[in-house]
């Protein structure tokens, strides 16, 4: 009756899956090695790059608009792996 995963509603060839697959190959080990355990946990650099490039390729350059799109639209949620990305200073 209902699909188990809301992302099954997206076509298999949707570009969000291409970006996620493409940037999964990105080596971010040097950046991650510089992380320190103090403070808030950082977002995975590979995921941030994927979100930004995907948004830029769709003409979205505002960090607030990117954050909104990632929270509200299924393609953005698929890339962000259902994590709520925030670009606000906290």
PDB file of N, CA and C in Angstrom:
ATOM      1  N   UNK A   1       0.825  -1.177   0.000  1.00  0.00           N
ATOM      2  CA  UNK A   1       0.000   0.000   0.000  1.00  0.00           C
ATOM      3  C   UNK A   1       0.880   1.255   0.000  1.00  0.00           C
ATOM      4  N   UNK A   2       1.638   1.467   1.073  1.00  0.00           N
ATOM      5  CA  UNK A   2       2.553   2.602   1.133  1.00  0.00           C
ATOM      6  C   UNK A   2       3.973   2.106   0.970  1.00  0.00           C
ATOM      7  N   UNK A   3       4.781   2.914   0.345  1.00  0.00           N
ATOM      8  CA  UNK A   3       6.186   2.551   0.190  1.00  0.00           C
ATOM      9  C   UNK A   3       6.886   2.683   1.539  1.00  0.00           C
ATOM     10  N   UNK A   4       7.820   1.785   1.809  1.00  0.00           N
ATOM     11  CA  UNK A   4       8.537   1.793   3.079  1.00  0.00           C
ATOM     12  C   UNK A   4       9.481   2.989   3.176  1.00  0.00           C
ATOM     13  N   UNK A   5       9.969   3.456   2.039  1.00  0.00           N
ATOM     14  CA  UNK A   5      10.944   4.535   2.010  1.00  0.00           C
ATOM     15  C   UNK A   5      10.407   5.654   1.113  1.00  0.00           C
ATOM     16  N   UNK A   6      10.314   6.875   1.657  1.00  0.00           N
ATOM     17  CA  UNK A   6       9.772   7.983   0.870  1.00  0.00           C
ATOM     18  C   UNK A   6      10.633   8.282  -0.349  1.00  0.00           C
ATOM     19  N   UNK A   7      11.911   7.913  -0.316  1.00  0.00           N
ATOM     20  CA  UNK A   7      12.793   8.178  -1.438  1.00  0.00           C
ATOM     21  C   UNK A   7      12.501   7.251  -2.610  1.00  0.00           C
ATOM     22  N   UNK A   8      11.723   6.198  -2.372  1.00  0.00           N
ATOM     23  CA  UNK A   8      11.291   5.340  -3.471  1.00  0.00           C
ATOM     24  C   UNK A   8      10.350   6.091  -4.410  1.00  0.00           C
ATOM     25  N   UNK A   9       9.817   7.217  -3.956  1.00  0.00           N
ATOM     26  CA  UNK A   9       8.931   8.022  -4.791  1.00  0.00           C
ATOM     27  C   UNK A   9       9.713   8.810  -5.846  1.00  0.00           C
ATOM     28  N   UNK A  10      11.010   8.958  -5.637  1.00  0.00           N
ATOM     29  CA  UNK A  10      11.847   9.653  -6.617  1.00  0.00           C
ATOM     30  C   UNK A  10      12.209   8.697  -7.738  1.00  0.00           C
ATOM     31  N   UNK A  11      12.259   9.189  -8.961  1.00  0.00           N
ATOM     32  CA  UNK A  11      12.688   8.317 -10.063  1.00  0.00           C
ATOM     33  C   UNK A  11      14.125   7.836  -9.831  1.00  0.00           C
ATOM     34  N   UNK A  12      14.405   6.625 -10.256  1.00  0.00           N
ATOM     35  CA  UNK A  12      15.741   6.054 -10.060  1.00  0.00           C
ATOM     36  C   UNK A  12      16.837   6.886 -10.709  1.00  0.00           C
ATOM     37  N   UNK A  13      16.498   7.607 -11.778  1.00  0.00           N
ATOM     38  CA  UNK A  13      17.506   8.406 -12.477  1.00  0.00           C
ATOM     39  C   UNK A  13      17.517   9.868 -12.029  1.00  0.00           C
ATOM     40  N   UNK A  14      16.908  10.165 -10.883  1.00  0.00           N
ATOM     41  CA  UNK A  14      16.915  11.546 -10.382  1.00  0.00           C
ATOM     42  C   UNK A  14      18.352  11.976 -10.111  1.00  0.00           C
ATOM     43  N   UNK A  15      18.660  13.229 -10.429  1.00  0.00           N
ATOM     44  CA  UNK A  15      20.044  13.688 -10.311  1.00  0.00           C
ATOM     45  C   UNK A  15      20.581  13.681  -8.878  1.00  0.00           C
ATOM     46  N   UNK A  16      19.722  13.707  -7.875  1.00  0.00           N
ATOM     47  CA  UNK A  16      20.230  13.677  -6.499  1.00  0.00           C
ATOM     48  C   UNK A  16      21.000  12.390  -6.223  1.00  0.00           C
ATOM     49  N   UNK A  17      20.569  11.282  -6.828  1.00  0.00           N
ATOM     50  CA  UNK A  17      21.273  10.013  -6.631  1.00  0.00           C
ATOM     51  C   UNK A  17      22.617  10.012  -7.359  1.00  0.00           C
ATOM     52  N   UNK A  18      22.658  10.665  -8.503  1.00  0.00           N
ATOM     53  CA  UNK A  18      23.910  10.785  -9.245  1.00  0.00           C
ATOM     54  C   UNK A  18      24.937  11.572  -8.426  1.00  0.00           C
ATOM     55  N   UNK A  19      24.520  12.700  -7.872  1.00  0.00           N
ATOM     56  CA  UNK A  19      25.430  13.508  -7.052  1.00  0.00           C
ATOM     57  C   UNK A  19      25.909  12.720  -5.838  1.00  0.00           C
ATOM     58  N   UNK A  20      24.982  12.048  -5.175  1.00  0.00           N
ATOM     59  CA  UNK A  20      25.349  11.280  -3.972  1.00  0.00           C
ATOM     60  C   UNK A  20      26.352  10.189  -4.327  1.00  0.00           C
ATOM     61  N   UNK A  21      26.116   9.489  -5.434  1.00  0.00           N
ATOM     62  CA  UNK A  21      27.017   8.419  -5.865  1.00  0.00           C
ATOM     63  C   UNK A  21      28.368   8.971  -6.315  1.00  0.00           C
ATOM     64  N   UNK A  22      28.335  10.057  -7.061  1.00  0.00           N
ATOM     65  CA  UNK A  22      29.565  10.666  -7.565  1.00  0.00           C
ATOM     66  C   UNK A  22      30.461  11.146  -6.425  1.00  0.00           C
ATOM     67  N   UNK A  23      29.891  11.881  -5.495  1.00  0.00           N
ATOM     68  CA  UNK A  23      30.689  12.441  -4.415  1.00  0.00           C
ATOM     69  C   UNK A  23      30.999  11.432  -3.308  1.00  0.00           C
ATOM     70  N   UNK A  24      30.383  10.264  -3.339  1.00  0.00           N
ATOM     71  CA  UNK A  24      30.747   9.209  -2.385  1.00  0.00           C
ATOM     72  C   UNK A  24      32.182   8.754  -2.626  1.00  0.00           C
ATOM     73  N   UNK A  25      32.673   8.989  -3.827  1.00  0.00           N
ATOM     74  CA  UNK A  25      34.034   8.595  -4.185  1.00  0.00           C
ATOM     75  C   UNK A  25      35.076   9.636  -3.765  1.00  0.00           C
ATOM     76  N   UNK A  26      34.627  10.787  -3.296  1.00  0.00           N
ATOM     77  CA  UNK A  26      35.522  11.877  -2.917  1.00  0.00           C
ATOM     78  C   UNK A  26      36.300  11.511  -1.650  1.00  0.00           C
ATOM     79  N   UNK A  27      37.615  11.651  -1.700  1.00  0.00           N
ATOM     80  CA  UNK A  27      38.456  11.349  -0.537  1.00  0.00           C
ATOM     81  C   UNK A  27      38.554  12.590   0.343  1.00  0.00           C
ATOM     82  N   UNK A  28      37.947  12.528   1.507  1.00  0.00           N
ATOM     83  CA  UNK A  28      37.963  13.660   2.439  1.00  0.00           C
ATOM     84  C   UNK A  28      38.779  13.343   3.687  1.00  0.00           C
ATOM     85  N   UNK A  29      39.616  12.332   3.619  1.00  0.00           N
ATOM     86  CA  UNK A  29      40.361  11.894   4.805  1.00  0.00           C
ATOM     87  C   UNK A  29      41.287  12.974   5.363  1.00  0.00           C
ATOM     88  N   UNK A  30      41.903  13.778   4.494  1.00  0.00           N
ATOM     89  CA  UNK A  30      42.795  14.837   4.983  1.00  0.00           C
ATOM     90  C   UNK A  30      42.022  15.895   5.773  1.00  0.00           C
ATOM     91  N   UNK A  31      40.850  16.240   5.298  1.00  0.00           N
ATOM     92  CA  UNK A  31      40.019  17.210   6.015  1.00  0.00           C
ATOM     93  C   UNK A  31      39.550  16.611   7.332  1.00  0.00           C
ATOM     94  N   UNK A  32      39.072  15.382   7.291  1.00  0.00           N
ATOM     95  CA  UNK A  32      38.563  14.730   8.491  1.00  0.00           C
ATOM     96  C   UNK A  32      39.659  14.518   9.531  1.00  0.00           C
ATOM     97  N   UNK A  33      40.899  14.334   9.112  1.00  0.00           N
ATOM     98  CA  UNK A  33      42.017  14.149  10.037  1.00  0.00           C
ATOM     99  C   UNK A  33      42.272  15.405  10.858  1.00  0.00           C
ATOM    100  N   UNK A  34      41.833  16.557  10.366  1.00  0.00           N
ATOM    101  CA  UNK A  34      42.042  17.813  11.071  1.00  0.00           C
ATOM    102  C   UNK A  34      40.946  18.109  12.094  1.00  0.00           C
ATOM    103  N   UNK A  35      39.905  17.298  12.126  1.00  0.00           N
ATOM    104  CA  UNK A  35      38.819  17.502  13.076  1.00  0.00           C
ATOM    105  C   UNK A  35      39.308  17.256  14.492  1.00  0.00           C
ATOM    106  N   UNK A  36      38.767  18.007  15.423  1.00  0.00           N
ATOM    107  CA  UNK A  36      39.074  17.849  16.830  1.00  0.00           C
ATOM    108  C   UNK A  36      37.810  17.426  17.567  1.00  0.00           C
ATOM    109  N   UNK A  37      37.955  16.691  18.654  1.00  0.00           N
ATOM    110  CA  UNK A  37      36.758  16.213  19.369  1.00  0.00           C
ATOM    111  C   UNK A  37      36.030  17.309  20.148  1.00  0.00           C
ATOM    112  N   UNK A  38      36.650  18.471  20.345  1.00  0.00           N
ATOM    113  CA  UNK A  38      35.994  19.542  21.086  1.00  0.00           C
ATOM    114  C   UNK A  38      34.913  20.195  20.231  1.00  0.00           C
ATOM    115  N   UNK A  39      33.924  20.748  20.916  1.00  0.00           N
ATOM    116  CA  UNK A  39      32.867  21.474  20.205  1.00  0.00           C
ATOM    117  C   UNK A  39      31.819  20.558  19.615  1.00  0.00           C
ATOM    118  N   UNK A  40      30.995  21.146  18.776  1.00  0.00           N
ATOM    119  CA  UNK A  40      29.922  20.374  18.150  1.00  0.00           C
ATOM    120  C   UNK A  40      30.482  19.471  17.066  1.00  0.00           C
ATOM    121  N   UNK A  41      29.804  18.373  16.867  1.00  0.00           N
ATOM    122  CA  UNK A  41      30.217  17.438  15.824  1.00  0.00           C
ATOM    123  C   UNK A  41      30.001  18.078  14.446  1.00  0.00           C
ATOM    124  N   UNK A  42      30.996  17.981  13.604  1.00  0.00           N
ATOM    125  CA  UNK A  42      30.927  18.581  12.265  1.00  0.00           C
ATOM    126  C   UNK A  42      30.140  17.686  11.316  1.00  0.00           C
ATOM    127  N   UNK A  43      29.534  18.311  10.313  1.00  0.00           N
ATOM    128  CA  UNK A  43      28.885  17.537   9.262  1.00  0.00           C
ATOM    129  C   UNK A  43      29.951  16.868   8.421  1.00  0.00           C
ATOM    130  N   UNK A  44      29.660  15.703   7.885  1.00  0.00           N
ATOM    131  CA  UNK A  44      30.643  15.039   7.008  1.00  0.00           C
ATOM    132  C   UNK A  44      30.968  15.928   5.808  1.00  0.00           C
ATOM    133  N   UNK A  45      32.247  16.205   5.560  1.00  0.00           N
ATOM    134  CA  UNK A  45      32.626  17.100   4.468  1.00  0.00           C
ATOM    135  C   UNK A  45      32.110  16.641   3.109  1.00  0.00           C
ATOM    136  N   UNK A  46      32.109  15.352   2.864  1.00  0.00           N
ATOM    137  CA  UNK A  46      31.632  14.816   1.585  1.00  0.00           C
ATOM    138  C   UNK A  46      30.156  15.171   1.395  1.00  0.00           C
ATOM    139  N   UNK A  47      29.404  15.078   2.462  1.00  0.00           N
ATOM    140  CA  UNK A  47      27.975  15.376   2.397  1.00  0.00           C
ATOM    141  C   UNK A  47      27.738  16.869   2.145  1.00  0.00           C
ATOM    142  N   UNK A  48      28.506  17.718   2.796  1.00  0.00           N
ATOM    143  CA  UNK A  48      28.360  19.160   2.594  1.00  0.00           C
ATOM    144  C   UNK A  48      28.697  19.537   1.157  1.00  0.00           C
ATOM    145  N   UNK A  49      29.781  18.989   0.621  1.00  0.00           N
ATOM    146  CA  UNK A  49      30.166  19.271  -0.764  1.00  0.00           C
ATOM    147  C   UNK A  49      29.052  18.830  -1.713  1.00  0.00           C
ATOM    148  N   UNK A  50      28.504  17.651  -1.484  1.00  0.00           N
ATOM    149  CA  UNK A  50      27.429  17.134  -2.332  1.00  0.00           C
ATOM    150  C   UNK A  50      26.214  18.054  -2.292  1.00  0.00           C
ATOM    151  N   UNK A  51      25.818  18.468  -1.098  1.00  0.00           N
ATOM    152  CA  UNK A  51      24.659  19.354  -0.945  1.00  0.00           C
ATOM    153  C   UNK A  51      24.902  20.675  -1.668  1.00  0.00           C
ATOM    154  N   UNK A  52      26.081  21.260  -1.467  1.00  0.00           N
ATOM    155  CA  UNK A  52      26.370  22.560  -2.082  1.00  0.00           C
ATOM    156  C   UNK A  52      26.415  22.476  -3.600  1.00  0.00           C
ATOM    157  N   UNK A  53      27.107  21.487  -4.143  1.00  0.00           N
ATOM    158  CA  UNK A  53      27.212  21.366  -5.600  1.00  0.00           C
ATOM    159  C   UNK A  53      25.839  21.086  -6.212  1.00  0.00           C
ATOM    160  N   UNK A  54      25.055  20.243  -5.569  1.00  0.00           N
ATOM    161  CA  UNK A  54      23.710  19.955  -6.059  1.00  0.00           C
ATOM    162  C   UNK A  54      22.878  21.236  -6.089  1.00  0.00           C
ATOM    163  N   UNK A  55      22.910  22.004  -5.004  1.00  0.00           N
ATOM    164  CA  UNK A  55      22.140  23.247  -4.938  1.00  0.00           C
ATOM    165  C   UNK A  55      22.627  24.243  -5.984  1.00  0.00           C
ATOM    166  N   UNK A  56      23.949  24.414  -6.085  1.00  0.00           N
ATOM    167  CA  UNK A  56      24.502  25.362  -7.062  1.00  0.00           C
ATOM    168  C   UNK A  56      24.105  24.968  -8.480  1.00  0.00           C
ATOM    169  N   UNK A  57      24.086  23.670  -8.766  1.00  0.00           N
ATOM    170  CA  UNK A  57      23.739  23.229 -10.118  1.00  0.00           C
ATOM    171  C   UNK A  57      22.271  23.505 -10.453  1.00  0.00           C
ATOM    172  N   UNK A  58      21.476  23.754  -9.418  1.00  0.00           N
ATOM    173  CA  UNK A  58      20.064  24.086  -9.619  1.00  0.00           C
ATOM    174  C   UNK A  58      19.813  25.581  -9.428  1.00  0.00           C
ATOM    175  N   UNK A  59      20.897  26.369  -9.395  1.00  0.00           N
ATOM    176  CA  UNK A  59      20.758  27.818  -9.306  1.00  0.00           C
ATOM    177  C   UNK A  59      20.447  28.353  -7.923  1.00  0.00           C
ATOM    178  N   UNK A  60      20.677  27.542  -6.898  1.00  0.00           N
ATOM    179  CA  UNK A  60      20.410  27.982  -5.527  1.00  0.00           C
ATOM    180  C   UNK A  60      21.755  28.277  -4.859  1.00  0.00           C
ATOM    181  N   UNK A  61      21.962  29.547  -4.480  1.00  0.00           N
ATOM    182  CA  UNK A  61      23.242  29.953  -3.918  1.00  0.00           C
ATOM    183  C   UNK A  61      23.128  30.480  -2.486  1.00  0.00           C
ATOM    184  N   UNK A  62      21.928  30.758  -2.028  1.00  0.00           N
ATOM    185  CA  UNK A  62      21.701  31.263  -0.680  1.00  0.00           C
ATOM    186  C   UNK A  62      21.752  30.110   0.323  1.00  0.00           C
ATOM    187  N   UNK A  63      22.545  30.278   1.378  1.00  0.00           N
ATOM    188  CA  UNK A  63      22.648  29.198   2.373  1.00  0.00           C
ATOM    189  C   UNK A  63      21.306  28.941   3.050  1.00  0.00           C
ATOM    190  N   UNK A  64      20.523  29.993   3.261  1.00  0.00           N
ATOM    191  CA  UNK A  64      19.198  29.796   3.874  1.00  0.00           C
ATOM    192  C   UNK A  64      18.271  29.014   2.949  1.00  0.00           C
ATOM    193  N   UNK A  65      18.335  29.325   1.662  1.00  0.00           N
ATOM    194  CA  UNK A  65      17.495  28.605   0.696  1.00  0.00           C
ATOM    195  C   UNK A  65      17.962  27.155   0.562  1.00  0.00           C
ATOM    196  N   UNK A  66      19.271  26.934   0.589  1.00  0.00           N
ATOM    197  CA  UNK A  66      19.792  25.561   0.526  1.00  0.00           C
ATOM    198  C   UNK A  66      19.295  24.777   1.729  1.00  0.00           C
ATOM    199  N   UNK A  67      19.405  25.361   2.914  1.00  0.00           N
ATOM    200  CA  UNK A  67      18.942  24.697   4.138  1.00  0.00           C
ATOM    201  C   UNK A  67      17.458  24.356   4.045  1.00  0.00           C
ATOM    202  N   UNK A  68      16.662  25.305   3.549  1.00  0.00           N
ATOM    203  CA  UNK A  68      15.215  25.092   3.404  1.00  0.00           C
ATOM    204  C   UNK A  68      14.927  23.959   2.426  1.00  0.00           C
ATOM    205  N   UNK A  69      15.618  23.976   1.277  1.00  0.00           N
ATOM    206  CA  UNK A  69      15.401  22.934   0.263  1.00  0.00           C
ATOM    207  C   UNK A  69      15.801  21.556   0.789  1.00  0.00           C
ATOM    208  N   UNK A  70      16.887  21.484   1.526  1.00  0.00           N
ATOM    209  CA  UNK A  70      17.341  20.190   2.046  1.00  0.00           C
ATOM    210  C   UNK A  70      16.345  19.646   3.067  1.00  0.00           C
ATOM    211  N   UNK A  71      15.690  20.529   3.791  1.00  0.00           N
ATOM    212  CA  UNK A  71      14.730  20.094   4.805  1.00  0.00           C
ATOM    213  C   UNK A  71      13.372  19.724   4.210  1.00  0.00           C
ATOM    214  N   UNK A  72      12.975  20.414   3.128  1.00  0.00           N
ATOM    215  CA  UNK A  72      11.613  20.272   2.621  1.00  0.00           C
ATOM    216  C   UNK A  72      11.468  19.368   1.404  1.00  0.00           C
ATOM    217  N   UNK A  73      12.496  19.237   0.595  1.00  0.00           N
ATOM    218  CA  UNK A  73      12.364  18.491  -0.648  1.00  0.00           C
ATOM    219  C   UNK A  73      13.024  17.118  -0.561  1.00  0.00           C
ATOM    220  N   UNK A  74      12.361  16.115  -1.099  1.00  0.00           N
ATOM    221  CA  UNK A  74      12.895  14.750  -1.033  1.00  0.00           C
ATOM    222  C   UNK A  74      14.276  14.597  -1.643  1.00  0.00           C
ATOM    223  N   UNK A  75      14.579  15.220  -2.801  1.00  0.00           N
ATOM    224  CA  UNK A  75      15.935  15.075  -3.328  1.00  0.00           C
ATOM    225  C   UNK A  75      16.994  15.584  -2.349  1.00  0.00           C
ATOM    226  N   UNK A  76      16.707  16.699  -1.719  1.00  0.00           N
ATOM    227  CA  UNK A  76      17.641  17.243  -0.735  1.00  0.00           C
ATOM    228  C   UNK A  76      17.785  16.340   0.463  1.00  0.00           C
ATOM    229  N   UNK A  77      16.690  15.758   0.898  1.00  0.00           N
ATOM    230  CA  UNK A  77      16.740  14.836   2.027  1.00  0.00           C
ATOM    231  C   UNK A  77      17.509  13.573   1.663  1.00  0.00           C
ATOM    232  N   UNK A  78      17.376  13.148   0.423  1.00  0.00           N
ATOM    233  CA  UNK A  78      18.103  11.953  -0.010  1.00  0.00           C
ATOM    234  C   UNK A  78      19.604  12.200   0.040  1.00  0.00           C
ATOM    235  N   UNK A  79      20.028  13.380  -0.411  1.00  0.00           N
ATOM    236  CA  UNK A  79      21.452  13.704  -0.379  1.00  0.00           C
ATOM    237  C   UNK A  79      21.928  13.874   1.059  1.00  0.00           C
ATOM    238  N   UNK A  80      21.137  14.552   1.870  1.00  0.00           N
ATOM    239  CA  UNK A  80      21.516  14.806   3.260  1.00  0.00           C
ATOM    240  C   UNK A  80      21.304  13.589   4.147  1.00  0.00           C
ATOM    241  N   UNK A  81      20.808  12.514   3.572  1.00  0.00           N
ATOM    242  CA  UNK A  81      20.544  11.268   4.299  1.00  0.00           C
ATOM    243  C   UNK A  81      19.664  11.513   5.517  1.00  0.00           C
ATOM    244  N   UNK A  82      18.640  12.341   5.291  1.00  0.00           N
ATOM    245  CA  UNK A  82      17.621  12.700   6.283  1.00  0.00           C
ATOM    246  C   UNK A  82      18.167  13.493   7.463  1.00  0.00           C
ATOM    247  N   UNK A  83      19.403  13.961   7.409  1.00  0.00           N
ATOM    248  CA  UNK A  83      19.936  14.796   8.479  1.00  0.00           C
ATOM    249  C   UNK A  83      19.519  16.233   8.207  1.00  0.00           C
ATOM    250  N   UNK A  84      19.227  16.979   9.256  1.00  0.00           N
ATOM    251  CA  UNK A  84      18.877  18.386   9.097  1.00  0.00           C
ATOM    252  C   UNK A  84      20.163  19.201   9.062  1.00  0.00           C
ATOM    253  N   UNK A  85      20.463  19.774   7.911  1.00  0.00           N
ATOM    254  CA  UNK A  85      21.659  20.575   7.732  1.00  0.00           C
ATOM    255  C   UNK A  85      21.318  22.019   8.097  1.00  0.00           C
ATOM    256  N   UNK A  86      22.161  22.662   8.882  1.00  0.00           N
ATOM    257  CA  UNK A  86      21.956  24.059   9.249  1.00  0.00           C
ATOM    258  C   UNK A  86      23.211  24.849   8.954  1.00  0.00           C
ATOM    259  N   UNK A  87      23.054  25.935   8.227  1.00  0.00           N
ATOM    260  CA  UNK A  87      24.174  26.811   7.916  1.00  0.00           C
ATOM    261  C   UNK A  87      24.207  28.003   8.861  1.00  0.00           C
ATOM    262  N   UNK A  88      23.306  28.039   9.839  1.00  0.00           N
ATOM    263  CA  UNK A  88      23.246  29.147  10.780  1.00  0.00           C
ATOM    264  C   UNK A  88      24.377  29.045  11.795  1.00  0.00           C
ATOM    265  N   UNK A  89      24.879  30.178  12.217  1.00  0.00           N
ATOM    266  CA  UNK A  89      25.866  30.197  13.296  1.00  0.00           C
ATOM    267  C   UNK A  89      25.166  29.918  14.605  1.00  0.00           C
ATOM    268  N   UNK A  90      25.690  28.956  15.350  1.00  0.00           N
ATOM    269  CA  UNK A  90      25.071  28.631  16.643  1.00  0.00           C
ATOM    270  C   UNK A  90      26.085  28.734  17.740  1.00  0.00           C
TER     271      UNK A  90
END
